[in-house]
Amino acid sequence: MRSLSYRTVRRLRKLGIVLACCLAMLILIGILVAVYLGRFVVYTPDGAYLDFGRNTAKQAEGTLQPVQNPTLVEDVTIEYADPNVSTDTTELVSGYYIDYDMLQNPDAVLAALRELNTPCTVMIDLKNGNGSFYYSSQIDGAKQADVDINTMNAIISYLKNHGFTMVARVKTFTDTNFALEHLNCGLAIKGGALWMGKGCYWLDPDNPTVVFYLKQIARELAGKGFKEIVFDDFYFPSSNQIVYSSDKSRTRLIADTAQDLLNFFASSNITISFGNPATDIDFTGSSHVYISDVTGSGVSKTIDGFSQLEDPTAQIVFLTGSKDNRFDGYQVLRPLLSKLVS
């Protein structure tokens, strides 16, 4: 077998070094391209895609640049209480709730309401985690859910015209539609892509545009006759994937946002309440805390977790279909369409 000359071996070595350098350079370029494209990745419940029209500029501290407020809806009539009269008394709650699953058959919901002989409290879900509204919203950019909106509007009108105490529940910081329309209002991960939890994008609780948006929803619903607005899932996600920089702790941030909403409607006839919230928020005496997915064995632990409440028996409202007597003595809303379970 013929051996290679020394000169040939040197040339091959040089060629190998050059090829290795080229390969390393290609790998580096690939990594840089992947990082760059990561800013334009948009994740949706149906998959992911690249959107090169996104504004991915970020502030130095890691938060996204602010955007203009959405268009203000027309003013609605909100009654304001006499400032000399105390509004801290928490009203007792008894009645039914209507969730998103029930609203897939709004005709059945309307028929069930018509069978109720005595007006009571009825809580109804009106905005889901994707940010879709279950009524005819006039808020700029609002998208309607895939449901019979005419019948939904008829349900709201029936409640209003027949003496029911109307409570609206809306998802608070899970709002895919608003996050995609106002990218700088969403919570982001490293690289700038939006963070997703529970299958939805989450909004930044400390963003003024987000808080403005929540106030607009409450004002609009008040104009439709709702006496109480429940901001559901009122907490900051604990995921370490979220890139977030603030002088406040996430707990303090959520508490301040809650207080902002409470202060804004403090002298109105609207009660602001919270669903499944962070447990260390200082709620006002008139607010309720709505808790779902609790079994009878978890009642005492739930009550203990909200020790800061002035009157837990009046302020905590359980949403349950259970007949467990450990719910007795507390405020309870039952499912309008579902049968009670053991």
C-alpha atoms as a PDB file:
ATOM      1  CA  MET A   1       0.000   0.000   0.000  1.00  0.00           C
ATOM      2  CA  ARG A   2       1.391   3.359  -1.016  1.00  0.00           C
ATOM      3  CA  SER A   3       1.900   5.818   1.877  1.00  0.00           C
ATOM      4  CA  LEU A   4       1.060   9.500   1.642  1.00  0.00           C
ATOM      5  CA  SER A   5       3.854  11.976   1.456  1.00  0.00           C
ATOM      6  CA  TYR A   6       4.547  14.371   4.314  1.00  0.00           C
ATOM      7  CA  ARG A   7       3.459  17.309   2.169  1.00  0.00           C
ATOM      8  CA  THR A   8       0.159  15.619   1.302  1.00  0.00           C
ATOM      9  CA  VAL A   9      -0.546  14.852   4.974  1.00  0.00           C
ATOM     10  CA  ARG A  10       0.032  18.482   5.889  1.00  0.00           C
ATOM     11  CA  ARG A  11      -2.332  19.622   3.147  1.00  0.00           C
ATOM     12  CA  LEU A  12      -5.002  17.204   4.342  1.00  0.00           C
ATOM     13  CA  ARG A  13      -4.589  18.426   7.901  1.00  0.00           C
ATOM     14  CA  LYS A  14      -4.962  22.031   6.799  1.00  0.00           C
ATOM     15  CA  LEU A  15      -8.029  21.093   4.738  1.00  0.00           C
ATOM     16  CA  GLY A  16      -9.517  19.310   7.760  1.00  0.00           C
ATOM     17  CA  ILE A  17      -8.919  22.350   9.957  1.00  0.00           C
ATOM     18  CA  VAL A  18     -10.541  24.611   7.377  1.00  0.00           C
ATOM     19  CA  LEU A  19     -13.560  22.282   7.092  1.00  0.00           C
ATOM     20  CA  ALA A  20     -13.879  22.084  10.894  1.00  0.00           C
ATOM     21  CA  CYS A  21     -13.793  25.878  11.143  1.00  0.00           C
ATOM     22  CA  CYS A  22     -16.426  26.157   8.430  1.00  0.00           C
ATOM     23  CA  LEU A  23     -18.629  23.624  10.217  1.00  0.00           C
ATOM     24  CA  ALA A  24     -18.240  25.478  13.512  1.00  0.00           C
ATOM     25  CA  MET A  25     -19.112  28.729  11.777  1.00  0.00           C
ATOM     26  CA  LEU A  26     -22.240  27.187  10.228  1.00  0.00           C
ATOM     27  CA  ILE A  27     -23.321  25.859  13.624  1.00  0.00           C
ATOM     28  CA  LEU A  28     -22.783  29.285  15.190  1.00  0.00           C
ATOM     29  CA  ILE A  29     -24.752  30.966  12.413  1.00  0.00           C
ATOM     30  CA  GLY A  30     -27.535  28.418  12.881  1.00  0.00           C
ATOM     31  CA  ILE A  31     -27.714  29.166  16.598  1.00  0.00           C
ATOM     32  CA  LEU A  32     -27.807  32.908  15.980  1.00  0.00           C
ATOM     33  CA  VAL A  33     -30.531  32.508  13.367  1.00  0.00           C
ATOM     34  CA  ALA A  34     -32.574  30.325  15.764  1.00  0.00           C
ATOM     35  CA  VAL A  35     -32.240  32.906  18.538  1.00  0.00           C
ATOM     36  CA  TYR A  36     -33.204  35.696  16.149  1.00  0.00           C
ATOM     37  CA  LEU A  37     -36.238  33.827  14.796  1.00  0.00           C
ATOM     38  CA  GLY A  38     -37.297  32.949  18.361  1.00  0.00           C
ATOM     39  CA  ARG A  39     -38.427  36.554  18.805  1.00  0.00           C
ATOM     40  CA  PHE A  40     -40.948  36.096  16.032  1.00  0.00           C
ATOM     41  CA  VAL A  41     -42.393  32.741  17.155  1.00  0.00           C
ATOM     42  CA  VAL A  42     -46.064  32.958  18.106  1.00  0.00           C
ATOM     43  CA  TYR A  43     -47.527  30.001  19.968  1.00  0.00           C
ATOM     44  CA  THR A  44     -51.236  29.278  19.736  1.00  0.00           C
ATOM     45  CA  PRO A  45     -53.375  26.386  20.972  1.00  0.00           C
ATOM     46  CA  ASP A  46     -53.218  25.018  17.401  1.00  0.00           C
ATOM     47  CA  GLY A  47     -49.428  25.151  17.080  1.00  0.00           C
ATOM     48  CA  ALA A  48     -46.689  27.679  16.397  1.00  0.00           C
ATOM     49  CA  TYR A  49     -45.833  29.965  13.491  1.00  0.00           C
ATOM     50  CA  LEU A  50     -43.469  32.805  12.581  1.00  0.00           C
ATOM     51  CA  ASP A  51     -44.841  36.336  12.532  1.00  0.00           C
ATOM     52  CA  PHE A  52     -42.248  38.768  11.145  1.00  0.00           C
ATOM     53  CA  GLY A  53     -44.630  41.681  11.659  1.00  0.00           C
ATOM     54  CA  ARG A  54     -44.220  41.540  15.434  1.00  0.00           C
ATOM     55  CA  ASN A  55     -42.745  44.458  17.350  1.00  0.00           C
ATOM     56  CA  THR A  56     -40.171  42.715  19.506  1.00  0.00           C
ATOM     57  CA  ALA A  57     -38.424  45.775  20.941  1.00  0.00           C
ATOM     58  CA  LYS A  58     -37.852  45.434  24.665  1.00  0.00           C
ATOM     59  CA  GLN A  59     -36.829  47.751  27.437  1.00  0.00           C
ATOM     60  CA  ALA A  60     -33.414  47.358  28.993  1.00  0.00           C
ATOM     61  CA  GLU A  61     -34.825  45.847  32.175  1.00  0.00           C
ATOM     62  CA  GLY A  62     -36.534  43.061  30.248  1.00  0.00           C
ATOM     63  CA  THR A  63     -40.109  44.297  30.121  1.00  0.00           C
ATOM     64  CA  LEU A  64     -41.837  45.065  26.862  1.00  0.00           C
ATOM     65  CA  GLN A  65     -42.415  48.564  25.541  1.00  0.00           C
ATOM     66  CA  PRO A  66     -45.828  50.046  26.414  1.00  0.00           C
ATOM     67  CA  VAL A  67     -48.517  50.448  23.779  1.00  0.00           C
ATOM     68  CA  GLN A  68     -51.382  52.864  23.476  1.00  0.00           C
ATOM     69  CA  ASN A  69     -54.574  52.176  25.388  1.00  0.00           C
ATOM     70  CA  PRO A  70     -57.403  50.491  23.490  1.00  0.00           C
ATOM     71  CA  THR A  71     -60.221  52.762  22.421  1.00  0.00           C
ATOM     72  CA  LEU A  72     -62.476  53.809  25.283  1.00  0.00           C
ATOM     73  CA  VAL A  73     -65.974  52.409  25.010  1.00  0.00           C
ATOM     74  CA  GLU A  74     -68.880  54.783  25.374  1.00  0.00           C
ATOM     75  CA  ASP A  75     -69.563  55.803  28.951  1.00  0.00           C
ATOM     76  CA  VAL A  76     -72.069  53.608  30.724  1.00  0.00           C
ATOM     77  CA  THR A  77     -74.298  54.589  33.590  1.00  0.00           C
ATOM     78  CA  ILE A  78     -72.750  53.707  36.916  1.00  0.00           C
ATOM     79  CA  GLU A  79     -74.583  54.735  40.053  1.00  0.00           C
ATOM     80  CA  TYR A  80     -72.420  56.154  42.796  1.00  0.00           C
ATOM     81  CA  ALA A  81     -73.271  55.566  46.400  1.00  0.00           C
ATOM     82  CA  ASP A  82     -73.641  58.194  49.090  1.00  0.00           C
ATOM     83  CA  PRO A  83     -70.079  58.650  50.423  1.00  0.00           C
ATOM     84  CA  ASN A  84     -71.502  59.021  53.938  1.00  0.00           C
ATOM     85  CA  VAL A  85     -73.047  55.564  53.803  1.00  0.00           C
ATOM     86  CA  SER A  86     -70.855  52.560  54.480  1.00  0.00           C
ATOM     87  CA  THR A  87     -70.532  50.106  51.568  1.00  0.00           C
ATOM     88  CA  ASP A  88     -68.381  47.563  53.402  1.00  0.00           C
ATOM     89  CA  THR A  89     -71.230  45.177  54.170  1.00  0.00           C
ATOM     90  CA  THR A  90     -70.838  41.937  52.258  1.00  0.00           C
ATOM     91  CA  GLU A  91     -74.066  40.637  50.775  1.00  0.00           C
ATOM     92  CA  LEU A  92     -74.862  36.968  51.208  1.00  0.00           C
ATOM     93  CA  VAL A  93     -74.858  34.865  48.056  1.00  0.00           C
ATOM     94  CA  SER A  94     -77.236  32.041  47.221  1.00  0.00           C
ATOM     95  CA  GLY A  95     -78.201  30.783  43.795  1.00  0.00           C
ATOM     96  CA  TYR A  96     -76.605  29.331  40.686  1.00  0.00           C
ATOM     97  CA  TYR A  97     -73.662  29.674  38.350  1.00  0.00           C
ATOM     98  CA  ILE A  98     -73.523  29.229  34.578  1.00  0.00           C
ATOM     99  CA  ASP A  99     -70.131  28.203  33.202  1.00  0.00           C
ATOM    100  CA  TYR A 100     -68.711  27.973  29.688  1.00  0.00           C
ATOM    101  CA  ASP A 101     -69.744  24.331  29.246  1.00  0.00           C
ATOM    102  CA  MET A 102     -73.378  25.187  29.953  1.00  0.00           C
ATOM    103  CA  LEU A 103     -73.208  28.125  27.552  1.00  0.00           C
ATOM    104  CA  GLN A 104     -72.591  25.744  24.670  1.00  0.00           C
ATOM    105  CA  ASN A 105     -76.356  25.235  24.924  1.00  0.00           C
ATOM    106  CA  PRO A 106     -77.695  28.730  25.685  1.00  0.00           C
ATOM    107  CA  ASP A 107     -81.270  27.719  24.860  1.00  0.00           C
ATOM    108  CA  ALA A 108     -81.189  25.179  27.708  1.00  0.00           C
ATOM    109  CA  VAL A 109     -79.762  27.835  30.027  1.00  0.00           C
ATOM    110  CA  LEU A 110     -82.534  30.289  29.165  1.00  0.00           C
ATOM    111  CA  ALA A 111     -85.173  27.600  29.652  1.00  0.00           C
ATOM    112  CA  ALA A 112     -83.728  26.673  33.068  1.00  0.00           C
ATOM    113  CA  LEU A 113     -83.757  30.311  34.174  1.00  0.00           C
ATOM    114  CA  ARG A 114     -87.406  30.624  33.212  1.00  0.00           C
ATOM    115  CA  GLU A 115     -88.197  27.682  35.498  1.00  0.00           C
ATOM    116  CA  LEU A 116     -86.790  29.441  38.565  1.00  0.00           C
ATOM    117  CA  ASN A 117     -89.719  30.641  40.646  1.00  0.00           C
ATOM    118  CA  THR A 118     -87.824  33.085  42.842  1.00  0.00           C
ATOM    119  CA  PRO A 119     -85.123  35.531  41.739  1.00  0.00           C
ATOM    120  CA  CYS A 120     -81.725  34.736  43.230  1.00  0.00           C
ATOM    121  CA  THR A 121     -78.049  35.314  42.538  1.00  0.00           C
ATOM    122  CA  VAL A 122     -76.889  34.063  39.138  1.00  0.00           C
ATOM    123  CA  MET A 123     -73.232  34.161  38.128  1.00  0.00           C
ATOM    124  CA  ILE A 124     -72.428  33.726  34.445  1.00  0.00           C
ATOM    125  CA  ASP A 125     -69.106  33.336  32.637  1.00  0.00           C
ATOM    126  CA  LEU A 126     -68.764  36.047  30.004  1.00  0.00           C
ATOM    127  CA  LYS A 127     -65.123  36.022  28.828  1.00  0.00           C
ATOM    128  CA  ASN A 128     -63.001  32.918  28.446  1.00  0.00           C
ATOM    129  CA  GLY A 129     -59.246  32.372  28.616  1.00  0.00           C
ATOM    130  CA  ASN A 130     -58.813  32.977  24.907  1.00  0.00           C
ATOM    131  CA  GLY A 131     -60.295  36.434  25.414  1.00  0.00           C
ATOM    132  CA  SER A 132     -63.550  35.729  23.568  1.00  0.00           C
ATOM    133  CA  PHE A 133     -66.689  37.469  24.855  1.00  0.00           C
ATOM    134  CA  TYR A 134     -69.996  35.687  25.405  1.00  0.00           C
ATOM    135  CA  TYR A 135     -72.069  38.795  24.756  1.00  0.00           C
ATOM    136  CA  SER A 136     -72.115  41.687  22.288  1.00  0.00           C
ATOM    137  CA  SER A 137     -69.147  43.708  23.534  1.00  0.00           C
ATOM    138  CA  GLN A 138     -68.408  47.162  22.163  1.00  0.00           C
ATOM    139  CA  ILE A 139     -64.829  47.202  23.445  1.00  0.00           C
ATOM    140  CA  ASP A 140     -62.378  47.927  20.651  1.00  0.00           C
ATOM    141  CA  GLY A 141     -61.063  44.682  19.167  1.00  0.00           C
ATOM    142  CA  ALA A 142     -63.340  42.429  21.224  1.00  0.00           C
ATOM    143  CA  LYS A 143     -63.956  39.033  19.631  1.00  0.00           C
ATOM    144  CA  GLN A 144     -67.102  37.054  20.228  1.00  0.00           C
ATOM    145  CA  ALA A 145     -67.081  33.427  21.306  1.00  0.00           C
ATOM    146  CA  ASP A 146     -68.421  30.701  19.047  1.00  0.00           C
ATOM    147  CA  VAL A 147     -71.855  30.690  20.649  1.00  0.00           C
ATOM    148  CA  ASP A 148     -75.342  31.955  19.825  1.00  0.00           C
ATOM    149  CA  ILE A 149     -74.795  35.598  20.826  1.00  0.00           C
ATOM    150  CA  ASN A 150     -78.460  36.524  20.279  1.00  0.00           C
ATOM    151  CA  THR A 151     -79.555  33.941  22.830  1.00  0.00           C
ATOM    152  CA  MET A 152     -76.754  35.049  25.164  1.00  0.00           C
ATOM    153  CA  ASN A 153     -78.034  38.608  24.988  1.00  0.00           C
ATOM    154  CA  ALA A 154     -81.542  37.286  25.667  1.00  0.00           C
ATOM    155  CA  ILE A 155     -80.235  35.503  28.800  1.00  0.00           C
ATOM    156  CA  ILE A 156     -78.704  38.736  30.094  1.00  0.00           C
ATOM    157  CA  SER A 157     -81.902  40.655  29.355  1.00  0.00           C
ATOM    158  CA  TYR A 158     -84.006  38.025  31.128  1.00  0.00           C
ATOM    159  CA  LEU A 159     -81.841  38.199  34.246  1.00  0.00           C
ATOM    160  CA  LYS A 160     -81.993  41.993  34.251  1.00  0.00           C
ATOM    161  CA  ASN A 161     -85.751  42.206  33.721  1.00  0.00           C
ATOM    162  CA  HIS A 162     -86.750  39.557  36.273  1.00  0.00           C
ATOM    163  CA  GLY A 163     -85.027  40.745  39.428  1.00  0.00           C
ATOM    164  CA  PHE A 164     -82.020  38.415  39.535  1.00  0.00           C
ATOM    165  CA  THR A 165     -78.819  39.556  41.221  1.00  0.00           C
ATOM    166  CA  MET A 166     -76.463  39.486  38.257  1.00  0.00           C
ATOM    167  CA  VAL A 167     -72.808  38.482  38.705  1.00  0.00           C
ATOM    168  CA  ALA A 168     -70.417  38.351  35.747  1.00  0.00           C
ATOM    169  CA  ARG A 169     -67.241  36.263  35.835  1.00  0.00           C
ATOM    170  CA  VAL A 170     -64.434  37.001  33.394  1.00  0.00           C
ATOM    171  CA  LYS A 171     -61.004  35.492  32.964  1.00  0.00           C
ATOM    172  CA  THR A 172     -58.531  38.153  34.010  1.00  0.00           C
ATOM    173  CA  PHE A 173     -54.954  37.652  32.863  1.00  0.00           C
ATOM    174  CA  THR A 174     -55.497  34.722  30.488  1.00  0.00           C
ATOM    175  CA  ASP A 175     -56.396  36.444  27.228  1.00  0.00           C
ATOM    176  CA  THR A 176     -54.847  35.135  24.022  1.00  0.00           C
ATOM    177  CA  ASN A 177     -56.723  37.556  21.761  1.00  0.00           C
ATOM    178  CA  PHE A 178     -55.658  40.687  23.635  1.00  0.00           C
ATOM    179  CA  ALA A 179     -52.072  39.455  23.985  1.00  0.00           C
ATOM    180  CA  LEU A 180     -51.747  38.888  20.237  1.00  0.00           C
ATOM    181  CA  GLU A 181     -53.257  42.300  19.465  1.00  0.00           C
ATOM    182  CA  HIS A 182     -51.130  44.052  22.126  1.00  0.00           C
ATOM    183  CA  LEU A 183     -47.924  42.027  22.196  1.00  0.00           C
ATOM    184  CA  ASN A 184     -46.228  44.310  24.687  1.00  0.00           C
ATOM    185  CA  CYS A 185     -48.960  43.589  27.208  1.00  0.00           C
ATOM    186  CA  GLY A 186     -48.192  39.873  27.415  1.00  0.00           C
ATOM    187  CA  LEU A 187     -45.835  37.990  29.695  1.00  0.00           C
ATOM    188  CA  ALA A 188     -42.774  36.904  27.731  1.00  0.00           C
ATOM    189  CA  ILE A 189     -40.099  34.227  27.895  1.00  0.00           C
ATOM    190  CA  LYS A 190     -36.436  34.566  26.982  1.00  0.00           C
ATOM    191  CA  GLY A 191     -36.162  35.615  23.337  1.00  0.00           C
ATOM    192  CA  GLY A 192     -39.409  37.622  23.377  1.00  0.00           C
ATOM    193  CA  ALA A 193     -42.007  34.919  22.618  1.00  0.00           C
ATOM    194  CA  LEU A 194     -45.198  35.068  24.645  1.00  0.00           C
ATOM    195  CA  TRP A 195     -45.520  32.753  27.643  1.00  0.00           C
ATOM    196  CA  MET A 196     -48.430  30.310  27.607  1.00  0.00           C
ATOM    197  CA  GLY A 197     -50.169  28.689  30.565  1.00  0.00           C
ATOM    198  CA  LYS A 198     -53.466  26.761  30.703  1.00  0.00           C
ATOM    199  CA  GLY A 199     -53.391  26.820  26.901  1.00  0.00           C
ATOM    200  CA  CYS A 200     -53.602  30.625  26.769  1.00  0.00           C
ATOM    201  CA  TYR A 201     -51.315  33.639  26.695  1.00  0.00           C
ATOM    202  CA  TRP A 202     -51.120  35.625  29.932  1.00  0.00           C
ATOM    203  CA  LEU A 203     -51.233  39.387  30.314  1.00  0.00           C
ATOM    204  CA  ASP A 204     -48.915  41.452  32.478  1.00  0.00           C
ATOM    205  CA  PRO A 205     -50.885  42.348  35.645  1.00  0.00           C
ATOM    206  CA  ASP A 206     -48.790  45.501  36.149  1.00  0.00           C
ATOM    207  CA  ASN A 207     -49.248  46.890  32.643  1.00  0.00           C
ATOM    208  CA  PRO A 208     -51.425  50.067  32.675  1.00  0.00           C
ATOM    209  CA  THR A 209     -53.041  49.084  29.376  1.00  0.00           C
ATOM    210  CA  VAL A 210     -54.091  45.722  30.822  1.00  0.00           C
ATOM    211  CA  VAL A 211     -55.591  47.322  33.945  1.00  0.00           C
ATOM    212  CA  PHE A 212     -57.360  49.903  31.763  1.00  0.00           C
ATOM    213  CA  TYR A 213     -58.797  47.035  29.698  1.00  0.00           C
ATOM    214  CA  LEU A 214     -60.119  45.278  32.815  1.00  0.00           C
ATOM    215  CA  LYS A 215     -61.792  48.463  34.015  1.00  0.00           C
ATOM    216  CA  GLN A 216     -63.447  48.862  30.619  1.00  0.00           C
ATOM    217  CA  ILE A 217     -64.856  45.338  30.799  1.00  0.00           C
ATOM    218  CA  ALA A 218     -66.284  45.999  34.269  1.00  0.00           C
ATOM    219  CA  ARG A 219     -67.791  49.322  33.169  1.00  0.00           C
ATOM    220  CA  GLU A 220     -69.407  47.724  30.132  1.00  0.00           C
ATOM    221  CA  LEU A 221     -70.893  44.869  32.152  1.00  0.00           C
ATOM    222  CA  ALA A 222     -72.196  47.305  34.758  1.00  0.00           C
ATOM    223  CA  GLY A 223     -74.030  49.056  31.944  1.00  0.00           C
ATOM    224  CA  LYS A 224     -75.710  45.752  31.106  1.00  0.00           C
ATOM    225  CA  GLY A 225     -77.066  45.402  34.638  1.00  0.00           C
ATOM    226  CA  PHE A 226     -74.410  43.336  36.379  1.00  0.00           C
ATOM    227  CA  LYS A 227     -74.030  44.241  40.028  1.00  0.00           C
ATOM    228  CA  GLU A 228     -70.826  42.303  40.675  1.00  0.00           C
ATOM    229  CA  ILE A 229     -67.787  41.569  38.503  1.00  0.00           C
ATOM    230  CA  VAL A 230     -65.596  38.590  39.368  1.00  0.00           C
ATOM    231  CA  PHE A 231     -62.052  38.712  37.989  1.00  0.00           C
ATOM    232  CA  ASP A 232     -61.188  35.019  37.805  1.00  0.00           C
ATOM    233  CA  ASP A 233     -57.738  33.396  38.161  1.00  0.00           C
ATOM    234  CA  PHE A 234     -56.415  36.553  39.756  1.00  0.00           C
ATOM    235  CA  TYR A 235     -52.764  35.674  40.345  1.00  0.00           C
ATOM    236  CA  PHE A 236     -49.315  35.931  38.780  1.00  0.00           C
ATOM    237  CA  PRO A 237     -48.075  32.625  37.266  1.00  0.00           C
ATOM    238  CA  SER A 238     -45.204  31.056  39.188  1.00  0.00           C
ATOM    239  CA  SER A 239     -43.337  29.776  36.104  1.00  0.00           C
ATOM    240  CA  ASN A 240     -39.593  30.419  36.049  1.00  0.00           C
ATOM    241  CA  GLN A 241     -39.758  30.636  32.252  1.00  0.00           C
ATOM    242  CA  ILE A 242     -41.315  34.089  32.466  1.00  0.00           C
ATOM    243  CA  VAL A 243     -38.761  36.877  31.988  1.00  0.00           C
ATOM    244  CA  TYR A 244     -39.949  39.674  34.245  1.00  0.00           C
ATOM    245  CA  SER A 245     -38.208  42.515  36.008  1.00  0.00           C
ATOM    246  CA  SER A 246     -39.845  44.738  38.599  1.00  0.00           C
ATOM    247  CA  ASP A 247     -39.019  46.453  41.848  1.00  0.00           C
ATOM    248  CA  LYS A 248     -42.113  44.774  43.283  1.00  0.00           C
ATOM    249  CA  SER A 249     -42.480  41.127  44.147  1.00  0.00           C
ATOM    250  CA  ARG A 250     -45.060  39.288  42.068  1.00  0.00           C
ATOM    251  CA  THR A 251     -47.227  38.987  45.178  1.00  0.00           C
ATOM    252  CA  ARG A 252     -47.080  42.748  45.827  1.00  0.00           C
ATOM    253  CA  LEU A 253     -47.721  43.460  42.161  1.00  0.00           C
ATOM    254  CA  ILE A 254     -50.939  41.401  42.120  1.00  0.00           C
ATOM    255  CA  ALA A 255     -52.103  42.959  45.389  1.00  0.00           C
ATOM    256  CA  ASP A 256     -51.541  46.478  44.027  1.00  0.00           C
ATOM    257  CA  THR A 257     -53.485  45.682  40.848  1.00  0.00           C
ATOM    258  CA  ALA A 258     -56.374  44.344  42.927  1.00  0.00           C
ATOM    259  CA  GLN A 259     -56.340  47.488  45.044  1.00  0.00           C
ATOM    260  CA  ASP A 260     -56.333  49.662  41.923  1.00  0.00           C
ATOM    261  CA  LEU A 261     -59.499  47.956  40.675  1.00  0.00           C
ATOM    262  CA  LEU A 262     -61.134  48.166  44.101  1.00  0.00           C
ATOM    263  CA  ASN A 263     -60.309  51.851  44.469  1.00  0.00           C
ATOM    264  CA  PHE A 264     -61.531  52.696  40.971  1.00  0.00           C
ATOM    265  CA  PHE A 265     -65.032  51.331  41.686  1.00  0.00           C
ATOM    266  CA  ALA A 266     -65.069  52.034  45.422  1.00  0.00           C
ATOM    267  CA  SER A 267     -67.830  54.654  45.332  1.00  0.00           C
ATOM    268  CA  SER A 268     -69.904  53.022  42.606  1.00  0.00           C
ATOM    269  CA  ASN A 269     -72.689  50.474  42.825  1.00  0.00           C
ATOM    270  CA  ILE A 270     -70.389  47.774  41.411  1.00  0.00           C
ATOM    271  CA  THR A 271     -68.829  45.144  43.642  1.00  0.00           C
ATOM    272  CA  ILE A 272     -65.403  43.974  42.482  1.00  0.00           C
ATOM    273  CA  SER A 273     -64.605  40.413  43.526  1.00  0.00           C
ATOM    274  CA  PHE A 274     -61.976  37.813  42.664  1.00  0.00           C
ATOM    275  CA  GLY A 275     -62.031  34.183  41.598  1.00  0.00           C
ATOM    276  CA  ASN A 276     -59.398  31.672  42.747  1.00  0.00           C
ATOM    277  CA  PRO A 277     -57.066  34.557  43.670  1.00  0.00           C
ATOM    278  CA  ALA A 278     -53.673  34.781  45.324  1.00  0.00           C
ATOM    279  CA  THR A 279     -54.380  34.185  49.001  1.00  0.00           C
ATOM    280  CA  ASP A 280     -52.528  37.202  50.396  1.00  0.00           C
ATOM    281  CA  ILE A 281     -54.541  40.029  48.832  1.00  0.00           C
ATOM    282  CA  ASP A 282     -56.190  42.453  51.267  1.00  0.00           C
ATOM    283  CA  PHE A 283     -59.800  42.341  50.084  1.00  0.00           C
ATOM    284  CA  THR A 284     -62.307  44.990  51.077  1.00  0.00           C
ATOM    285  CA  GLY A 285     -65.221  44.030  53.252  1.00  0.00           C
ATOM    286  CA  SER A 286     -67.732  44.094  50.380  1.00  0.00           C
ATOM    287  CA  SER A 287     -65.737  41.834  48.035  1.00  0.00           C
ATOM    288  CA  HIS A 288     -66.329  38.132  47.608  1.00  0.00           C
ATOM    289  CA  VAL A 289     -63.765  35.430  46.944  1.00  0.00           C
ATOM    290  CA  TYR A 290     -65.140  32.794  44.575  1.00  0.00           C
ATOM    291  CA  ILE A 291     -63.528  29.371  44.900  1.00  0.00           C
ATOM    292  CA  SER A 292     -64.075  26.462  42.514  1.00  0.00           C
ATOM    293  CA  ASP A 293     -62.917  22.838  42.383  1.00  0.00           C
ATOM    294  CA  VAL A 294     -62.929  22.317  46.156  1.00  0.00           C
ATOM    295  CA  THR A 295     -64.241  19.104  47.712  1.00  0.00           C
ATOM    296  CA  GLY A 296     -65.868  18.922  51.116  1.00  0.00           C
ATOM    297  CA  SER A 297     -62.595  17.808  52.679  1.00  0.00           C
ATOM    298  CA  GLY A 298     -60.908  20.970  51.413  1.00  0.00           C
ATOM    299  CA  VAL A 299     -63.391  23.479  52.833  1.00  0.00           C
ATOM    300  CA  SER A 300     -61.604  24.085  56.156  1.00  0.00           C
ATOM    301  CA  LYS A 301     -58.187  24.397  54.502  1.00  0.00           C
ATOM    302  CA  THR A 302     -59.579  26.913  52.020  1.00  0.00           C
ATOM    303  CA  ILE A 303     -61.102  29.003  54.801  1.00  0.00           C
ATOM    304  CA  ASP A 304     -57.825  28.936  56.742  1.00  0.00           C
ATOM    305  CA  GLY A 305     -55.945  30.073  53.633  1.00  0.00           C
ATOM    306  CA  PHE A 306     -57.878  33.351  53.606  1.00  0.00           C
ATOM    307  CA  SER A 307     -57.394  34.281  57.250  1.00  0.00           C
ATOM    308  CA  GLN A 308     -56.999  37.951  56.292  1.00  0.00           C
ATOM    309  CA  LEU A 309     -60.687  38.213  55.341  1.00  0.00           C
ATOM    310  CA  GLU A 310     -62.823  40.191  57.746  1.00  0.00           C
ATOM    311  CA  ASP A 311     -65.677  37.677  57.561  1.00  0.00           C
ATOM    312  CA  PRO A 312     -64.756  34.450  55.697  1.00  0.00           C
ATOM    313  CA  THR A 313     -68.223  32.937  56.105  1.00  0.00           C
ATOM    314  CA  ALA A 314     -69.749  35.887  54.268  1.00  0.00           C
ATOM    315  CA  GLN A 315     -66.972  36.635  51.798  1.00  0.00           C
ATOM    316  CA  ILE A 316     -66.007  33.179  50.523  1.00  0.00           C
ATOM    317  CA  VAL A 317     -68.350  31.717  47.908  1.00  0.00           C
ATOM    318  CA  PHE A 318     -67.903  28.094  46.888  1.00  0.00           C
ATOM    319  CA  LEU A 319     -68.887  26.992  43.391  1.00  0.00           C
ATOM    320  CA  THR A 320     -69.852  23.360  43.776  1.00  0.00           C
ATOM    321  CA  GLY A 321     -72.357  20.730  42.810  1.00  0.00           C
ATOM    322  CA  SER A 322     -71.589  18.689  45.921  1.00  0.00           C
ATOM    323  CA  LYS A 323     -74.149  17.915  48.621  1.00  0.00           C
ATOM    324  CA  ASP A 324     -71.405  17.522  51.247  1.00  0.00           C
ATOM    325  CA  ASN A 325     -72.647  19.168  54.463  1.00  0.00           C
ATOM    326  CA  ARG A 326     -69.212  20.678  55.069  1.00  0.00           C
ATOM    327  CA  PHE A 327     -70.265  23.410  52.653  1.00  0.00           C
ATOM    328  CA  ASP A 328     -73.157  24.303  54.970  1.00  0.00           C
ATOM    329  CA  GLY A 329     -72.647  27.625  56.696  1.00  0.00           C
ATOM    330  CA  TYR A 330     -70.808  29.153  53.744  1.00  0.00           C
ATOM    331  CA  GLN A 331     -71.943  30.975  50.640  1.00  0.00           C
ATOM    332  CA  VAL A 332     -72.560  28.525  47.789  1.00  0.00           C
ATOM    333  CA  LEU A 333     -73.536  28.749  44.142  1.00  0.00           C
ATOM    334  CA  ARG A 334     -74.750  25.560  42.461  1.00  0.00           C
ATOM    335  CA  PRO A 335     -74.503  24.645  38.745  1.00  0.00           C
ATOM    336  CA  LEU A 336     -77.702  25.680  36.984  1.00  0.00           C
ATOM    337  CA  LEU A 337     -77.861  22.705  34.598  1.00  0.00           C
ATOM    338  CA  SER A 338     -75.939  19.946  36.378  1.00  0.00           C
ATOM    339  CA  LYS A 339     -77.335  17.582  38.983  1.00  0.00           C
ATOM    340  CA  LEU A 340     -75.921  17.723  42.490  1.00  0.00           C
ATOM    341  CA  VAL A 341     -73.310  15.113  43.332  1.00  0.00           C
ATOM    342  CA  SER A 342     -72.379  13.442  46.596  1.00  0.00           C
END
